C-alpha atoms as a PDB file:
ATOM      1  CA  UNK A   1     101.107 114.019 165.226  1.00  0.00           C
ATOM      2  CA  UNK A   2     104.225 111.861 164.738  1.00  0.00           C
ATOM      3  CA  UNK A   3     102.083 108.878 163.733  1.00  0.00           C
ATOM      4  CA  UNK A   4     100.011 111.032 161.386  1.00  0.00           C
ATOM      5  CA  UNK A   5     103.135 112.386 159.685  1.00  0.00           C
ATOM      6  CA  UNK A   6     104.565 108.900 159.234  1.00  0.00           C
ATOM      7  CA  UNK A   7     101.313 107.733 157.659  1.00  0.00           C
ATOM      8  CA  UNK A   8     101.214 110.689 155.266  1.00  0.00           C
ATOM      9  CA  UNK A   9     104.871 110.182 154.323  1.00  0.00           C
ATOM     10  CA  UNK A  10     104.265 106.503 153.686  1.00  0.00           C
ATOM     11  CA  UNK A  11     101.199 107.273 151.594  1.00  0.00           C
ATOM     12  CA  UNK A  12     103.105 109.583 149.291  1.00  0.00           C
ATOM     13  CA  UNK A  13     105.915 107.074 148.935  1.00  0.00           C
ATOM     14  CA  UNK A  14     103.575 104.829 146.959  1.00  0.00           C
ATOM     15  CA  UNK A  15     104.218 105.194 143.239  1.00  0.00           C
ATOM     16  CA  UNK A  16     102.505 104.010 140.095  1.00  0.00           C
ATOM     17  CA  UNK A  17      98.827 103.422 139.612  1.00  0.00           C
ATOM     18  CA  UNK A  18      98.019 102.241 143.147  1.00  0.00           C
ATOM     19  CA  UNK A  19      98.210 105.738 144.662  1.00  0.00           C
ATOM     20  CA  UNK A  20      96.427 107.399 141.777  1.00  0.00           C
ATOM     21  CA  UNK A  21      93.690 104.766 141.714  1.00  0.00           C
ATOM     22  CA  UNK A  22      92.874 105.478 145.340  1.00  0.00           C
ATOM     23  CA  UNK A  23      92.788 109.231 144.716  1.00  0.00           C
ATOM     24  CA  UNK A  24      90.613 108.708 141.654  1.00  0.00           C
ATOM     25  CA  UNK A  25      88.130 106.585 143.587  1.00  0.00           C
ATOM     26  CA  UNK A  26      87.841 109.290 146.249  1.00  0.00           C
ATOM     27  CA  UNK A  27      87.364 111.947 143.549  1.00  0.00           C
ATOM     28  CA  UNK A  28      84.263 110.163 142.283  1.00  0.00           C
ATOM     29  CA  UNK A  29      82.447 111.331 145.415  1.00  0.00           C
ATOM     30  CA  UNK A  30      82.462 114.929 144.204  1.00  0.00           C
ATOM     31  CA  UNK A  31      83.368 114.551 140.533  1.00  0.00           C
ATOM     32  CA  UNK A  32      82.188 117.255 138.163  1.00  0.00           C
ATOM     33  CA  UNK A  33      82.364 116.947 134.412  1.00  0.00           C
ATOM     34  CA  UNK A  34      84.275 119.394 132.264  1.00  0.00           C
ATOM     35  CA  UNK A  35      83.228 120.491 128.750  1.00  0.00           C
ATOM     36  CA  UNK A  36      85.865 118.411 127.014  1.00  0.00           C
ATOM     37  CA  UNK A  37      85.859 114.937 125.529  1.00  0.00           C
ATOM     38  CA  UNK A  38      87.413 112.953 128.341  1.00  0.00           C
ATOM     39  CA  UNK A  39      86.220 109.411 128.995  1.00  0.00           C
ATOM     40  CA  UNK A  40      86.954 109.320 132.704  1.00  0.00           C
ATOM     41  CA  UNK A  41      85.571 105.821 133.192  1.00  0.00           C
ATOM     42  CA  UNK A  42      88.107 104.354 130.788  1.00  0.00           C
ATOM     43  CA  UNK A  43      90.889 106.162 132.593  1.00  0.00           C
ATOM     44  CA  UNK A  44      90.028 104.531 135.904  1.00  0.00           C
ATOM     45  CA  UNK A  45      92.820 102.243 137.026  1.00  0.00           C
ATOM     46  CA  UNK A  46      91.510  98.915 138.428  1.00  0.00           C
ATOM     47  CA  UNK A  47      91.599  98.856 142.216  1.00  0.00           C
ATOM     48  CA  UNK A  48      90.795  95.166 142.678  1.00  0.00           C
ATOM     49  CA  UNK A  49      92.046  92.866 139.953  1.00  0.00           C
ATOM     50  CA  UNK A  50      92.139  89.044 139.909  1.00  0.00           C
ATOM     51  CA  UNK A  51      95.809  89.051 138.992  1.00  0.00           C
ATOM     52  CA  UNK A  52      98.427  91.435 140.241  1.00  0.00           C
ATOM     53  CA  UNK A  53      99.937  93.363 137.385  1.00  0.00           C
ATOM     54  CA  UNK A  54     103.430  94.726 137.473  1.00  0.00           C
ATOM     55  CA  UNK A  55     103.270  98.442 138.197  1.00  0.00           C
ATOM     56  CA  UNK A  56     104.919 100.459 135.470  1.00  0.00           C
ATOM     57  CA  UNK A  57     107.238 103.108 136.786  1.00  0.00           C
ATOM     58  CA  UNK A  58     106.636 106.708 135.722  1.00  0.00           C
ATOM     59  CA  UNK A  59     103.249 105.796 134.196  1.00  0.00           C
ATOM     60  CA  UNK A  60     100.269 107.671 135.635  1.00  0.00           C
ATOM     61  CA  UNK A  61      96.710 107.421 134.326  1.00  0.00           C
ATOM     62  CA  UNK A  62      98.121 105.334 131.491  1.00  0.00           C
ATOM     63  CA  UNK A  63     100.503 108.089 130.368  1.00  0.00           C
ATOM     64  CA  UNK A  64     104.289 107.743 130.341  1.00  0.00           C
ATOM     65  CA  UNK A  65     106.199 110.532 132.051  1.00  0.00           C
ATOM     66  CA  UNK A  66     109.675 111.706 132.988  1.00  0.00           C
ATOM     67  CA  UNK A  67     110.830 112.446 136.504  1.00  0.00           C
ATOM     68  CA  UNK A  68     111.601 116.064 137.337  1.00  0.00           C
ATOM     69  CA  UNK A  69     113.421 117.848 140.124  1.00  0.00           C
ATOM     70  CA  UNK A  70     113.973 121.477 141.116  1.00  0.00           C
ATOM     71  CA  UNK A  71     115.795 123.285 143.900  1.00  0.00           C
ATOM     72  CA  UNK A  72     115.542 126.844 145.219  1.00  0.00           C
ATOM     73  CA  UNK A  73     117.457 128.617 147.955  1.00  0.00           C
ATOM     74  CA  UNK A  74     120.623 127.738 149.848  1.00  0.00           C
ATOM     75  CA  UNK A  75     121.456 125.897 153.028  1.00  0.00           C
ATOM     76  CA  UNK A  76     118.579 125.120 155.368  1.00  0.00           C
ATOM     77  CA  UNK A  77     116.267 127.335 153.330  1.00  0.00           C
ATOM     78  CA  UNK A  78     116.594 125.161 150.240  1.00  0.00           C
ATOM     79  CA  UNK A  79     113.214 124.007 148.930  1.00  0.00           C
ATOM     80  CA  UNK A  80     113.041 120.872 146.797  1.00  0.00           C
ATOM     81  CA  UNK A  81     110.284 119.855 144.385  1.00  0.00           C
ATOM     82  CA  UNK A  82     109.874 116.323 143.059  1.00  0.00           C
ATOM     83  CA  UNK A  83     107.448 115.813 140.210  1.00  0.00           C
ATOM     84  CA  UNK A  84     106.776 114.180 136.833  1.00  0.00           C
ATOM     85  CA  UNK A  85     106.058 115.681 133.444  1.00  0.00           C
ATOM     86  CA  UNK A  86     104.832 114.561 130.026  1.00  0.00           C
ATOM     87  CA  UNK A  87     107.391 113.270 127.562  1.00  0.00           C
ATOM     88  CA  UNK A  88     105.956 115.291 124.697  1.00  0.00           C
ATOM     89  CA  UNK A  89     104.514 118.824 124.582  1.00  0.00           C
ATOM     90  CA  UNK A  90     100.733 118.969 124.353  1.00  0.00           C
ATOM     91  CA  UNK A  91      97.953 121.375 125.250  1.00  0.00           C
ATOM     92  CA  UNK A  92      95.847 120.905 128.409  1.00  0.00           C
ATOM     93  CA  UNK A  93      92.416 119.300 127.927  1.00  0.00           C
ATOM     94  CA  UNK A  94      90.524 121.777 130.076  1.00  0.00           C
ATOM     95  CA  UNK A  95      89.196 125.321 130.390  1.00  0.00           C
ATOM     96  CA  UNK A  96      90.581 126.011 133.857  1.00  0.00           C
ATOM     97  CA  UNK A  97      92.551 129.147 134.634  1.00  0.00           C
ATOM     98  CA  UNK A  98      95.647 127.696 136.332  1.00  0.00           C
ATOM     99  CA  UNK A  99      97.893 125.540 134.149  1.00  0.00           C
ATOM    100  CA  UNK A 100     101.157 124.128 135.525  1.00  0.00           C
ATOM    101  CA  UNK A 101     104.125 123.165 133.379  1.00  0.00           C
ATOM    102  CA  UNK A 102     107.827 122.437 133.685  1.00  0.00           C
ATOM    103  CA  UNK A 103     109.798 125.313 132.168  1.00  0.00           C
ATOM    104  CA  UNK A 104     112.994 123.938 130.641  1.00  0.00           C
ATOM    105  CA  UNK A 105     114.776 127.300 130.638  1.00  0.00           C
ATOM    106  CA  UNK A 106     113.939 128.167 134.261  1.00  0.00           C
ATOM    107  CA  UNK A 107     114.114 124.526 135.391  1.00  0.00           C
ATOM    108  CA  UNK A 108     111.069 124.855 137.603  1.00  0.00           C
ATOM    109  CA  UNK A 109     107.290 124.439 137.655  1.00  0.00           C
ATOM    110  CA  UNK A 110     105.504 127.533 136.379  1.00  0.00           C
ATOM    111  CA  UNK A 111     101.826 128.440 136.746  1.00  0.00           C
ATOM    112  CA  UNK A 112     100.155 130.228 133.857  1.00  0.00           C
ATOM    113  CA  UNK A 113      96.758 130.918 132.312  1.00  0.00           C
ATOM    114  CA  UNK A 114      98.104 130.777 128.750  1.00  0.00           C
ATOM    115  CA  UNK A 115     100.357 127.808 128.200  1.00  0.00           C
ATOM    116  CA  UNK A 116     102.885 127.876 125.363  1.00  0.00           C
ATOM    117  CA  UNK A 117     104.132 124.351 124.476  1.00  0.00           C
ATOM    118  CA  UNK A 118     107.336 125.909 123.123  1.00  0.00           C
ATOM    119  CA  UNK A 119     108.402 126.842 126.652  1.00  0.00           C
ATOM    120  CA  UNK A 120     107.961 123.492 128.354  1.00  0.00           C
ATOM    121  CA  UNK A 121     105.735 120.500 129.031  1.00  0.00           C
ATOM    122  CA  UNK A 122     102.764 119.876 131.308  1.00  0.00           C
ATOM    123  CA  UNK A 123     103.404 118.307 134.712  1.00  0.00           C
ATOM    124  CA  UNK A 124     101.577 115.027 135.253  1.00  0.00           C
ATOM    125  CA  UNK A 125     101.665 112.691 138.250  1.00  0.00           C
ATOM    126  CA  UNK A 126     102.573 112.883 141.976  1.00  0.00           C
ATOM    127  CA  UNK A 127     104.109 116.081 143.354  1.00  0.00           C
ATOM    128  CA  UNK A 128     106.016 116.753 146.577  1.00  0.00           C
ATOM    129  CA  UNK A 129     107.663 119.865 148.007  1.00  0.00           C
ATOM    130  CA  UNK A 130     110.074 119.542 150.951  1.00  0.00           C
ATOM    131  CA  UNK A 131     112.452 121.603 153.065  1.00  0.00           C
ATOM    132  CA  UNK A 132     114.962 120.039 155.459  1.00  0.00           C
ATOM    133  CA  UNK A 133     113.251 116.667 154.880  1.00  0.00           C
ATOM    134  CA  UNK A 134     109.931 118.145 156.022  1.00  0.00           C
ATOM    135  CA  UNK A 135     106.997 117.843 153.628  1.00  0.00           C
ATOM    136  CA  UNK A 136     105.503 121.246 152.773  1.00  0.00           C
ATOM    137  CA  UNK A 137     103.048 120.232 150.058  1.00  0.00           C
ATOM    138  CA  UNK A 138     101.800 117.092 148.322  1.00  0.00           C
ATOM    139  CA  UNK A 139      99.385 116.517 145.486  1.00  0.00           C
ATOM    140  CA  UNK A 140      98.788 115.126 142.015  1.00  0.00           C
ATOM    141  CA  UNK A 141      98.776 116.782 138.609  1.00  0.00           C
ATOM    142  CA  UNK A 142      96.726 115.660 135.633  1.00  0.00           C
ATOM    143  CA  UNK A 143      98.039 117.096 132.363  1.00  0.00           C
ATOM    144  CA  UNK A 144      98.986 120.411 133.884  1.00  0.00           C
ATOM    145  CA  UNK A 145      96.087 120.758 136.324  1.00  0.00           C
ATOM    146  CA  UNK A 146      95.733 120.064 140.020  1.00  0.00           C
ATOM    147  CA  UNK A 147      93.870 116.836 140.610  1.00  0.00           C
ATOM    148  CA  UNK A 148      92.713 114.859 143.622  1.00  0.00           C
ATOM    149  CA  UNK A 149      93.759 115.785 147.172  1.00  0.00           C
ATOM    150  CA  UNK A 150      96.284 118.572 147.768  1.00  0.00           C
ATOM    151  CA  UNK A 151      97.718 119.195 151.240  1.00  0.00           C
ATOM    152  CA  UNK A 152      99.975 121.946 152.608  1.00  0.00           C
ATOM    153  CA  UNK A 153     102.017 121.973 155.837  1.00  0.00           C
ATOM    154  CA  UNK A 154     104.079 124.371 157.907  1.00  0.00           C
ATOM    155  CA  UNK A 155     107.720 123.655 158.599  1.00  0.00           C
ATOM    156  CA  UNK A 156     106.646 122.075 161.890  1.00  0.00           C
ATOM    157  CA  UNK A 157     104.491 119.575 159.899  1.00  0.00           C
ATOM    158  CA  UNK A 158     101.238 121.239 160.958  1.00  0.00           C
ATOM    159  CA  UNK A 159      98.524 120.824 158.315  1.00  0.00           C
ATOM    160  CA  UNK A 160      97.541 124.293 157.054  1.00  0.00           C
ATOM    161  CA  UNK A 161      95.381 123.572 154.008  1.00  0.00           C
ATOM    162  CA  UNK A 162      93.608 120.646 152.350  1.00  0.00           C
ATOM    163  CA  UNK A 163      91.820 120.916 149.007  1.00  0.00           C
ATOM    164  CA  UNK A 164      90.362 118.594 146.405  1.00  0.00           C
ATOM    165  CA  UNK A 165      90.300 119.125 142.665  1.00  0.00           C
ATOM    166  CA  UNK A 166      89.024 117.401 139.573  1.00  0.00           C
ATOM    167  CA  UNK A 167      91.368 118.265 136.710  1.00  0.00           C
ATOM    168  CA  UNK A 168      91.832 121.826 137.811  1.00  0.00           C
ATOM    169  CA  UNK A 169      88.316 122.544 139.062  1.00  0.00           C
ATOM    170  CA  UNK A 170      87.887 123.042 142.836  1.00  0.00           C
ATOM    171  CA  UNK A 171      85.521 120.481 144.361  1.00  0.00           C
ATOM    172  CA  UNK A 172      82.907 123.166 145.113  1.00  0.00           C
ATOM    173  CA  UNK A 173      82.632 124.278 141.486  1.00  0.00           C
ATOM    174  CA  UNK A 174      79.138 124.114 140.037  1.00  0.00           C
ATOM    175  CA  UNK A 175      78.123 123.072 136.543  1.00  0.00           C
ATOM    176  CA  UNK A 176      74.685 123.022 134.908  1.00  0.00           C
ATOM    177  CA  UNK A 177      73.605 121.254 131.717  1.00  0.00           C
ATOM    178  CA  UNK A 178      71.103 121.655 128.907  1.00  0.00           C
ATOM    179  CA  UNK A 179      70.622 117.889 129.232  1.00  0.00           C
ATOM    180  CA  UNK A 180      70.810 117.220 133.010  1.00  0.00           C
ATOM    181  CA  UNK A 181      70.273 113.478 132.563  1.00  0.00           C
ATOM    182  CA  UNK A 182      72.933 112.706 129.961  1.00  0.00           C
ATOM    183  CA  UNK A 183      75.169 115.638 130.990  1.00  0.00           C
ATOM    184  CA  UNK A 184      76.847 116.054 127.629  1.00  0.00           C
ATOM    185  CA  UNK A 185      75.873 119.657 126.893  1.00  0.00           C
ATOM    186  CA  UNK A 186      77.241 122.041 129.555  1.00  0.00           C
ATOM    187  CA  UNK A 187      75.326 125.285 130.060  1.00  0.00           C
ATOM    188  CA  UNK A 188      77.299 127.102 132.747  1.00  0.00           C
ATOM    189  CA  UNK A 189      80.433 126.492 134.803  1.00  0.00           C
ATOM    190  CA  UNK A 190      80.859 128.530 137.978  1.00  0.00           C
ATOM    191  CA  UNK A 191      84.262 128.135 139.672  1.00  0.00           C
ATOM    192  CA  UNK A 192      83.815 128.017 143.456  1.00  0.00           C
ATOM    193  CA  UNK A 193      86.615 127.933 145.994  1.00  0.00           C
ATOM    194  CA  UNK A 194      86.085 128.330 149.747  1.00  0.00           C
ATOM    195  CA  UNK A 195      82.506 129.408 149.102  1.00  0.00           C
ATOM    196  CA  UNK A 196      83.421 132.245 146.715  1.00  0.00           C
ATOM    197  CA  UNK A 197      83.675 132.520 142.950  1.00  0.00           C
ATOM    198  CA  UNK A 198      87.341 132.075 142.037  1.00  0.00           C
ATOM    199  CA  UNK A 199      88.711 131.229 138.590  1.00  0.00           C
ATOM    200  CA  UNK A 200      87.466 131.136 135.015  1.00  0.00           C
ATOM    201  CA  UNK A 201      83.719 131.379 134.387  1.00  0.00           C
ATOM    202  CA  UNK A 202      82.000 129.919 131.286  1.00  0.00           C
ATOM    203  CA  UNK A 203      78.505 130.041 129.824  1.00  0.00           C
ATOM    204  CA  UNK A 204      77.711 128.030 126.690  1.00  0.00           C
ATOM    205  CA  UNK A 205      75.122 128.066 123.940  1.00  0.00           C
ATOM    206  CA  UNK A 206      73.271 124.816 123.389  1.00  0.00           C
ATOM    207  CA  UNK A 207      75.326 124.224 120.223  1.00  0.00           C
ATOM    208  CA  UNK A 208      78.464 124.033 122.386  1.00  0.00           C
ATOM    209  CA  UNK A 209      79.893 127.443 121.515  1.00  0.00           C
ATOM    210  CA  UNK A 210      81.075 129.672 124.360  1.00  0.00           C
ATOM    211  CA  UNK A 211      78.539 132.434 125.123  1.00  0.00           C
ATOM    212  CA  UNK A 212      80.299 134.283 127.953  1.00  0.00           C
ATOM    213  CA  UNK A 213      83.721 133.906 129.541  1.00  0.00           C
ATOM    214  CA  UNK A 214      85.668 135.825 132.148  1.00  0.00           C
ATOM    215  CA  UNK A 215      87.504 135.574 135.433  1.00  0.00           C
ATOM    216  CA  UNK A 216      86.403 135.817 139.058  1.00  0.00           C
ATOM    217  CA  UNK A 217      88.726 136.689 141.922  1.00  0.00           C
ATOM    218  CA  UNK A 218      87.461 136.861 145.480  1.00  0.00           C
ATOM    219  CA  UNK A 219      83.884 136.692 144.209  1.00  0.00           C
ATOM    220  CA  UNK A 220      84.451 139.733 141.959  1.00  0.00           C
ATOM    221  CA  UNK A 221      84.557 139.980 138.172  1.00  0.00           C
ATOM    222  CA  UNK A 222      87.998 141.126 137.043  1.00  0.00           C
ATOM    223  CA  UNK A 223      89.729 141.877 133.741  1.00  0.00           C
ATOM    224  CA  UNK A 224      88.169 141.484 130.317  1.00  0.00           C
ATOM    225  CA  UNK A 225      84.902 139.576 129.954  1.00  0.00           C
ATOM    226  CA  UNK A 226      83.798 138.464 126.488  1.00  0.00           C
ATOM    227  CA  UNK A 227      80.346 137.790 125.090  1.00  0.00           C
ATOM    228  CA  UNK A 228      79.955 135.791 121.855  1.00  0.00           C
ATOM    229  CA  UNK A 229      77.399 135.095 119.163  1.00  0.00           C
ATOM    230  CA  UNK A 230      76.172 131.488 118.705  1.00  0.00           C
ATOM    231  CA  UNK A 231      78.390 131.373 115.601  1.00  0.00           C
ATOM    232  CA  UNK A 232      81.481 131.803 117.776  1.00  0.00           C
ATOM    233  CA  UNK A 233      82.192 135.386 116.700  1.00  0.00           C
ATOM    234  CA  UNK A 234      82.913 137.956 119.376  1.00  0.00           C
ATOM    235  CA  UNK A 235      80.007 140.185 120.401  1.00  0.00           C
ATOM    236  CA  UNK A 236      81.201 142.372 123.297  1.00  0.00           C
ATOM    237  CA  UNK A 237      84.269 143.027 125.396  1.00  0.00           C
ATOM    238  CA  UNK A 238      83.350 144.339 128.842  1.00  0.00           C
ATOM    239  CA  UNK A 239      86.201 145.756 130.938  1.00  0.00           C
ATOM    240  CA  UNK A 240      86.130 145.189 134.699  1.00  0.00           C
ATOM    241  CA  UNK A 241      88.734 146.328 137.271  1.00  0.00           C
ATOM    242  CA  UNK A 242      92.018 144.462 136.977  1.00  0.00           C
ATOM    243  CA  UNK A 243      92.012 143.885 140.723  1.00  0.00           C
ATOM    244  CA  UNK A 244      89.022 142.921 142.914  1.00  0.00           C
ATOM    245  CA  UNK A 245      87.415 145.573 145.134  1.00  0.00           C
ATOM    246  CA  UNK A 246      88.801 148.452 143.039  1.00  0.00           C
ATOM    247  CA  UNK A 247      85.970 150.957 143.385  1.00  0.00           C
ATOM    248  CA  UNK A 248      87.769 153.541 141.252  1.00  0.00           C
ATOM    249  CA  UNK A 249      87.059 151.567 138.077  1.00  0.00           C
ATOM    250  CA  UNK A 250      83.497 151.259 136.796  1.00  0.00           C
ATOM    251  CA  UNK A 251      82.818 148.343 134.379  1.00  0.00           C
ATOM    252  CA  UNK A 252      82.156 149.481 130.808  1.00  0.00           C
ATOM    253  CA  UNK A 253      81.704 148.118 127.291  1.00  0.00           C
ATOM    254  CA  UNK A 254      85.066 148.524 125.614  1.00  0.00           C
ATOM    255  CA  UNK A 255      84.377 147.028 122.177  1.00  0.00           C
ATOM    256  CA  UNK A 256      81.302 145.729 120.375  1.00  0.00           C
ATOM    257  CA  UNK A 257      81.123 143.763 117.127  1.00  0.00           C
ATOM    258  CA  UNK A 258      78.342 142.909 114.692  1.00  0.00           C
ATOM    259  CA  UNK A 259      77.402 139.289 114.003  1.00  0.00           C
ATOM    260  CA  UNK A 260      79.472 139.617 110.819  1.00  0.00           C
ATOM    261  CA  UNK A 261      82.608 140.422 112.821  1.00  0.00           C
ATOM    262  CA  UNK A 262      82.674 144.171 112.053  1.00  0.00           C
ATOM    263  CA  UNK A 263      83.610 146.525 114.890  1.00  0.00           C
ATOM    264  CA  UNK A 264      80.676 148.839 115.564  1.00  0.00           C
ATOM    265  CA  UNK A 265      81.676 150.464 118.845  1.00  0.00           C
ATOM    266  CA  UNK A 266      84.852 151.227 120.827  1.00  0.00           C
ATOM    267  CA  UNK A 267      85.536 153.038 124.076  1.00  0.00           C
ATOM    268  CA  UNK A 268      89.108 152.724 125.398  1.00  0.00           C
ATOM    269  CA  UNK A 269      88.751 155.162 128.282  1.00  0.00           C
ATOM    270  CA  UNK A 270      85.527 154.112 129.961  1.00  0.00           C
ATOM    271  CA  UNK A 271      83.348 156.464 131.936  1.00  0.00           C
END
């Protein structure tokens, strides 16, 4: 265990593109595409190059960042977080549910589903959480989303969880296409985590417009689910229980609109 911990500590100590290039190469084994215009091949950092290039500090995936730091608690219970964040505010390039950013007012990393650039900037690059010099969590962020391998440990350095992501999508997530060969027109994205549906769900029309969107938690539909017309206008709002496994709430159509955008039905109480 001591040798394993030393190896993990040494691995995280690597900075710059070398660490991220290795993670990126491993990600290619399970990589799924997301319905955004990201040229992943161009973002690949060279692993074997004829000439050694000087590694630029605080530059990850070709993007310049700033180094961040946060601290919570007192004494031996103090938890430290070391991370990097974008120099300028920008929106995440993804449809995932969990977005992480550095909140300037709270001086800490915050997770949200609706990011407001006025409150902070997206975290981007290596991340490490420690307590009493013991690593509790390590991972990598890509523009506000979890990316690559993430590992969690107990305070006795016992590994408790290991996950892999591709820009916010768990490695098990499934995606289908209208054009399965070229894979440029996504049809459906099903977020899968630990064998269950978990996260934001999307179905698309062939023209690229969102057809259905909603959230899964513990394999259950929760909250408001929206259906759309091919034009992009809203069609229906279907209300599901706010919490999974709530048998007291029966899903119902809350609002319905015409293809012209006019409200034609409303039921705020359900039943």
